[in-house]
Structures are given as C-alpha cells and as structure tokens.
Amino acid sequence: MTLLRDEDLTAAFDHAARRYDALVAANPGYHAHLRRSVRRLGLPGPGAGLHLLDLGCGTGASTAALRAVLPAARVTAVDASAGMLRRAAAKPWAREVTFVRAPVERLAEAGVTGPFDAVFAAYLLRNVRDPDAVLTAVRDLLRTGARLAVHEYTLSGRRVDRAVWSLVCRGLVQPAASVLGDGGLYRHLHRSVVEFDTADRLAARVRAAGFERVRILPLPGWQTGITHTVVARRAENPR
C-alpha cells in the first residue's frame, strides 16, 4: 500500500478516533513509555512557569504524560485530526491545557508561535511529508537552550527488531484494527515504521536541524530496539 499522507492520513485518524484509546491500551507499556520520555526532557518538576508544546497530541495520551510528570506546566496540544482532538478535549483537564487543531506544517496560521520551553513530539515525524522542515520549524518555536523530545517508532537497524515489529503488526494489530474498520490506518502504521529512519538516522536529522546534545535513549519491554526517545536542546546558534 502507499503510505497515507496529509488529508488522507488525517481522515484515517478521524475515522479511528473513537476506538483509538482502546487499541493503544492493549499495547503493554504505552502510557508508561510516554511518561518516561517526558521525564527524559530533564525539566524541573513540577514545571511551574514552563510552556510546553505537545505536537501531534492525538487523543491526549502524550498530553496526559506531560501533565503527569509536569503538572504545573502550561501545555499547548496540537493535532491535525478533528476527530482525535474531540476525544482529547472531552477528557478532564486543568485550565493550563489548550487544544489547537492544525497541521504541524501550518502552526503559525493557527496562532501557535511560542516561544516554548520544550516540545514533545510523540509518534509524529514518520507521518509527515518533510520531517526536516518540521524539525526546523520546531527549533524556531523553542527558546535558545530549550528542549526537544521525539518519542517515535524508529528501529535500531537490527533485523530482529524489524522482524518483531512486523510480527506484532501483522499478527495482532492489523487483524484487530481491520475488524474495527481501520485496517488501512494500521497497515500504514506498519509500513511507516519500516520505511522511516533508524534511530541513528533520526538523531542525525535532529542534529542537522540545529539541535545539540542529541541523545538516543531506548525504551524497555517488547519495544526495545523498536521505540526510542531522541532528546536534544536547541543550539544557541543553529546552522
């Protein structure tokens, strides 16, 4: 299948929104891994005075992770899918959380201009047409020295990790999603990871976009070698 992009991907997420939380809840460690990646930002708890951007917030799982780790921070959560955002906004949040519908390529048009103290991007970059342009835009939204965490399915490069990913997708995720009418989105999920950067390549992209102190940190459990956090800081004089 061809990878879903832009309006086609947004429409697929809109359709899947009602059942999305139930499917991710079946993924062992999904929410704990998001919280771990937030902690890897290294921000001072509880985040008082900080303004965070949750980029590609979906139904709010990443937003909840930010609120759990940094409950005093202000969060702007952005997603292109109206269906996913409706699910997110319907959940109980403190007043410090604002949801904005916008594609990541058009944040300024939606009034998302920063500057931010940190950006958290979970399961986002492999779904955009031009990840380098998105990373450059993210850099420009951050204060100098502010932090970025990219939480992403990005394979280690080992054959065994690619095999495990394909086995889980084809044997478990895609059959369940197809029963619910969302097979196309989850076939995209499988292929988008296989065709995306390895963790080393993703880190190189982040560095080339004007970030420093770039680190690749694995996540535990069955996703070891499959999901990583790439953390970095905006350079003072990005190239």
Protein backbone atom coordinates (compact mmCIF):
# COMPACT_ATOMS: atom_id res chain seq x y z
CA MET A 1 0.00 0.00 0.00
CA THR A 2 1.01 3.63 -0.45
CA LEU A 3 1.74 5.49 2.77
CA LEU A 4 -1.05 7.79 3.89
CA ARG A 5 -0.18 11.48 3.87
CA ASP A 6 -1.78 14.84 4.58
CA GLU A 7 -5.59 14.84 4.21
CA ASP A 8 -5.76 11.06 3.68
CA LEU A 9 -3.91 10.38 6.92
CA THR A 10 -5.97 12.95 8.81
CA ALA A 11 -9.19 11.34 7.55
CA ALA A 12 -7.96 7.91 8.64
CA PHE A 13 -7.23 9.21 12.14
CA ASP A 14 -10.64 10.92 12.23
CA HIS A 15 -12.29 7.59 11.47
CA ALA A 16 -10.21 5.68 14.03
CA ALA A 17 -10.55 8.23 16.84
CA ARG A 18 -13.47 6.60 18.65
CA ARG A 19 -11.61 3.29 19.04
CA TYR A 20 -8.06 4.59 19.24
CA ASP A 21 -7.70 4.65 23.02
CA ALA A 22 -8.91 1.06 23.33
CA LEU A 23 -6.32 -0.16 20.84
CA VAL A 24 -3.37 1.66 22.39
CA ALA A 25 -4.44 0.49 25.86
CA ALA A 26 -3.71 -3.05 24.65
CA ASN A 27 -0.10 -2.07 23.98
CA PRO A 28 1.94 -3.00 27.09
CA GLY A 29 3.79 -0.01 28.47
CA TYR A 30 2.33 2.53 26.03
CA HIS A 31 1.43 5.19 28.61
CA ALA A 32 4.38 4.43 30.90
CA HIS A 33 6.75 4.85 27.95
CA LEU A 34 5.31 8.27 27.15
CA ARG A 35 5.83 9.38 30.75
CA ARG A 36 9.38 8.05 30.66
CA SER A 37 10.10 10.10 27.54
CA VAL A 38 8.68 13.23 29.20
CA ARG A 39 10.97 12.69 32.18
CA ARG A 40 13.89 12.43 29.76
CA LEU A 41 13.36 16.08 28.87
CA GLY A 42 15.03 16.77 32.22
CA LEU A 43 12.75 19.69 33.08
CA PRO A 44 12.45 20.84 36.68
CA GLY A 45 9.38 19.45 38.41
CA PRO A 46 6.57 20.24 38.68
CA GLY A 47 7.09 22.53 35.68
CA ALA A 48 5.85 25.81 37.14
CA GLY A 49 6.31 28.69 34.71
CA LEU A 50 7.04 26.43 31.73
CA HIS A 51 5.12 26.46 28.44
CA LEU A 52 5.22 23.13 26.62
CA LEU A 53 4.15 22.21 23.09
CA ASP A 54 2.63 18.76 22.63
CA LEU A 55 2.97 18.24 18.90
CA GLY A 56 0.73 15.56 17.41
CA CYS A 57 -1.25 15.02 20.61
CA GLY A 58 -3.83 12.64 19.14
CA THR A 59 -6.45 11.70 21.72
CA GLY A 60 -4.34 13.19 24.51
CA ALA A 61 -2.13 10.32 25.68
CA SER A 62 1.01 12.43 25.28
CA THR A 63 -0.78 15.38 26.90
CA ALA A 64 -1.64 13.20 29.89
CA ALA A 65 2.01 12.13 30.14
CA LEU A 66 3.13 15.77 30.21
CA ARG A 67 0.55 16.60 32.86
CA ALA A 68 1.51 13.58 34.97
CA VAL A 69 5.21 14.48 35.04
CA LEU A 70 4.93 18.29 34.92
CA PRO A 71 1.53 19.11 36.43
CA ALA A 72 2.23 22.82 36.91
CA ALA A 73 3.31 23.47 33.31
CA ARG A 74 1.13 25.12 30.69
CA VAL A 75 0.55 22.84 27.69
CA THR A 76 -0.50 23.71 24.15
CA ALA A 77 -1.54 20.46 22.44
CA VAL A 78 -1.80 20.36 18.64
CA ASP A 79 -3.14 17.83 16.17
CA ALA A 80 -4.42 17.91 12.59
CA SER A 81 -7.26 15.44 13.20
CA ALA A 82 -10.55 16.95 14.38
CA GLY A 83 -11.75 13.53 15.47
CA MET A 84 -8.72 12.85 17.63
CA LEU A 85 -8.86 16.34 19.13
CA ARG A 86 -12.54 15.95 20.05
CA ARG A 87 -11.64 12.83 22.01
CA ALA A 88 -8.74 14.62 23.68
CA ALA A 89 -10.66 17.77 24.59
CA ALA A 90 -13.54 15.75 26.07
CA LYS A 91 -11.26 14.41 28.80
CA PRO A 92 -10.90 16.22 32.15
CA TRP A 93 -8.01 18.69 32.01
CA ALA A 94 -6.77 21.56 34.10
CA ARG A 95 -7.15 25.06 32.71
CA GLU A 96 -3.46 25.06 31.75
CA VAL A 97 -4.14 22.78 28.75
CA THR A 98 -5.18 24.26 25.39
CA PHE A 99 -6.01 22.20 22.30
CA VAL A 100 -5.42 23.56 18.80
CA ARG A 101 -6.33 21.94 15.50
CA ALA A 102 -3.55 22.49 12.98
CA PRO A 103 -1.24 20.51 10.71
CA VAL A 104 2.31 20.73 12.02
CA GLU A 105 3.33 22.48 8.81
CA ARG A 106 0.92 25.39 9.49
CA LEU A 107 1.26 26.12 13.19
CA ALA A 108 1.73 29.87 12.82
CA GLU A 109 -1.53 30.16 10.88
CA ALA A 110 -3.31 28.61 13.87
CA GLY A 111 -1.67 31.04 16.30
CA VAL A 112 0.92 28.60 17.68
CA THR A 113 4.01 30.78 17.75
CA GLY A 114 5.86 30.18 21.03
CA PRO A 115 8.43 30.58 22.28
CA PHE A 116 8.22 27.29 24.16
CA ASP A 117 10.39 25.82 26.88
CA ALA A 118 10.09 22.33 25.42
CA VAL A 119 8.48 20.43 22.57
CA PHE A 120 7.26 16.86 22.94
CA ALA A 121 6.55 15.06 19.66
CA ALA A 122 5.20 11.53 20.03
CA TYR A 123 4.62 9.25 17.04
CA LEU A 124 4.65 12.23 14.70
CA LEU A 125 7.71 12.64 12.48
CA ARG A 126 7.36 9.43 10.47
CA ASN A 127 3.86 10.60 9.49
CA VAL A 128 4.84 13.95 7.96
CA ARG A 129 5.89 14.50 4.38
CA ASP A 130 9.02 16.54 5.25
CA PRO A 131 10.42 15.73 8.71
CA ASP A 132 13.41 18.02 8.21
CA ALA A 133 11.18 21.03 7.61
CA VAL A 134 9.09 20.15 10.67
CA LEU A 135 12.19 19.86 12.86
CA THR A 136 13.44 23.23 11.63
CA ALA A 137 10.06 24.80 12.42
CA VAL A 138 10.10 23.19 15.86
CA ARG A 139 13.56 24.59 16.50
CA ASP A 140 12.33 28.09 15.70
CA LEU A 141 9.48 27.72 18.21
CA LEU A 142 11.90 26.99 21.06
CA ARG A 143 13.84 29.34 23.25
CA THR A 144 17.61 29.00 22.99
CA GLY A 145 18.61 26.05 25.13
CA ALA A 146 15.04 24.75 25.31
CA ARG A 147 14.48 21.03 24.93
CA LEU A 148 13.02 18.60 22.45
CA ALA A 149 11.93 15.01 22.97
CA VAL A 150 10.95 12.93 19.95
CA HIS A 151 9.20 9.75 21.08
CA GLU A 152 8.96 7.58 18.00
CA TYR A 153 8.79 4.14 16.48
CA THR A 154 12.25 4.20 14.94
CA LEU A 155 14.03 0.89 14.52
CA SER A 156 17.53 0.16 15.76
CA GLY A 157 18.64 -1.23 12.41
CA ARG A 158 18.88 -4.82 13.65
CA ARG A 159 16.97 -7.39 11.61
CA VAL A 160 15.45 -8.96 14.69
CA ASP A 161 13.79 -5.68 15.73
CA ARG A 162 12.29 -5.22 12.29
CA ALA A 163 11.04 -8.81 12.39
CA VAL A 164 9.42 -8.36 15.81
CA TRP A 165 7.72 -5.16 14.65
CA SER A 166 6.31 -6.85 11.54
CA LEU A 167 5.17 -9.87 13.53
CA VAL A 168 3.29 -7.74 16.08
CA CYS A 169 1.67 -5.61 13.38
CA ARG A 170 0.65 -8.41 11.04
CA GLY A 171 -0.24 -10.93 13.71
CA LEU A 172 -2.01 -8.75 16.29
CA VAL A 173 -2.57 -5.09 15.48
CA GLN A 174 -3.76 -5.21 11.88
CA PRO A 175 -6.28 -8.05 12.36
CA ALA A 176 -7.85 -6.26 15.34
CA ALA A 177 -7.93 -2.93 13.53
CA SER A 178 -9.43 -4.48 10.40
CA VAL A 179 -12.35 -5.85 12.42
CA LEU A 180 -12.99 -2.28 13.60
CA GLY A 181 -12.81 -0.87 10.08
CA ASP A 182 -9.43 0.82 10.50
CA GLY A 183 -7.20 -1.64 8.70
CA GLY A 184 -5.83 0.98 6.30
CA LEU A 185 -4.52 3.19 9.09
CA TYR A 186 -2.75 0.34 10.84
CA ARG A 187 -1.28 -1.04 7.63
CA HIS A 188 0.13 2.46 7.24
CA LEU A 189 1.44 2.23 10.82
CA HIS A 190 3.39 -0.90 9.99
CA ARG A 191 4.86 0.38 6.75
CA SER A 192 5.58 3.90 8.02
CA VAL A 193 7.90 2.48 10.67
CA VAL A 194 9.67 0.05 8.35
CA GLU A 195 10.32 2.82 5.81
CA PHE A 196 11.24 5.54 8.33
CA ASP A 197 14.66 6.38 9.75
CA THR A 198 16.63 4.14 12.01
CA ALA A 199 17.25 5.70 15.42
CA ASP A 200 20.74 6.84 14.35
CA ARG A 201 19.38 8.49 11.22
CA LEU A 202 16.65 10.26 13.18
CA ALA A 203 19.23 11.60 15.63
CA ALA A 204 21.27 12.90 12.69
CA ARG A 205 18.19 14.71 11.35
CA VAL A 206 17.64 16.36 14.72
CA ARG A 207 21.28 17.44 14.89
CA ALA A 208 21.18 18.83 11.33
CA ALA A 209 18.09 20.88 12.19
CA GLY A 210 20.04 22.97 14.71
CA PHE A 211 19.91 20.93 17.91
CA GLU A 212 22.77 19.91 20.17
CA ARG A 213 23.36 17.38 22.98
CA VAL A 214 21.41 14.87 20.92
CA ARG A 215 20.94 11.51 22.62
CA ILE A 216 19.17 8.30 21.60
CA LEU A 217 17.53 6.51 24.51
CA PRO A 218 15.83 3.11 24.14
CA LEU A 219 12.54 2.16 25.75
CA PRO A 220 12.07 -1.09 27.65
CA GLY A 221 9.92 -4.16 27.16
CA TRP A 222 8.94 -5.65 23.81
CA GLN A 223 9.61 -2.27 22.16
CA THR A 224 13.35 -2.36 22.91
CA GLY A 225 15.04 -1.66 19.59
CA ILE A 226 11.71 -0.51 18.11
CA THR A 227 10.77 2.66 20.01
CA HIS A 228 13.26 5.31 21.12
CA THR A 229 13.35 8.75 22.66
CA VAL A 230 15.61 11.23 20.90
CA VAL A 231 16.29 14.15 23.24
CA ALA A 232 18.12 17.35 22.35
CA ARG A 233 18.46 21.07 23.05
CA ARG A 234 18.07 23.99 20.69
CA ALA A 235 21.54 25.24 19.84
CA GLU A 236 22.40 28.84 20.62
CA ASN A 237 23.49 29.49 17.05
CA PRO A 238 21.76 26.85 14.91
CA ARG A 239 23.24 26.41 11.46
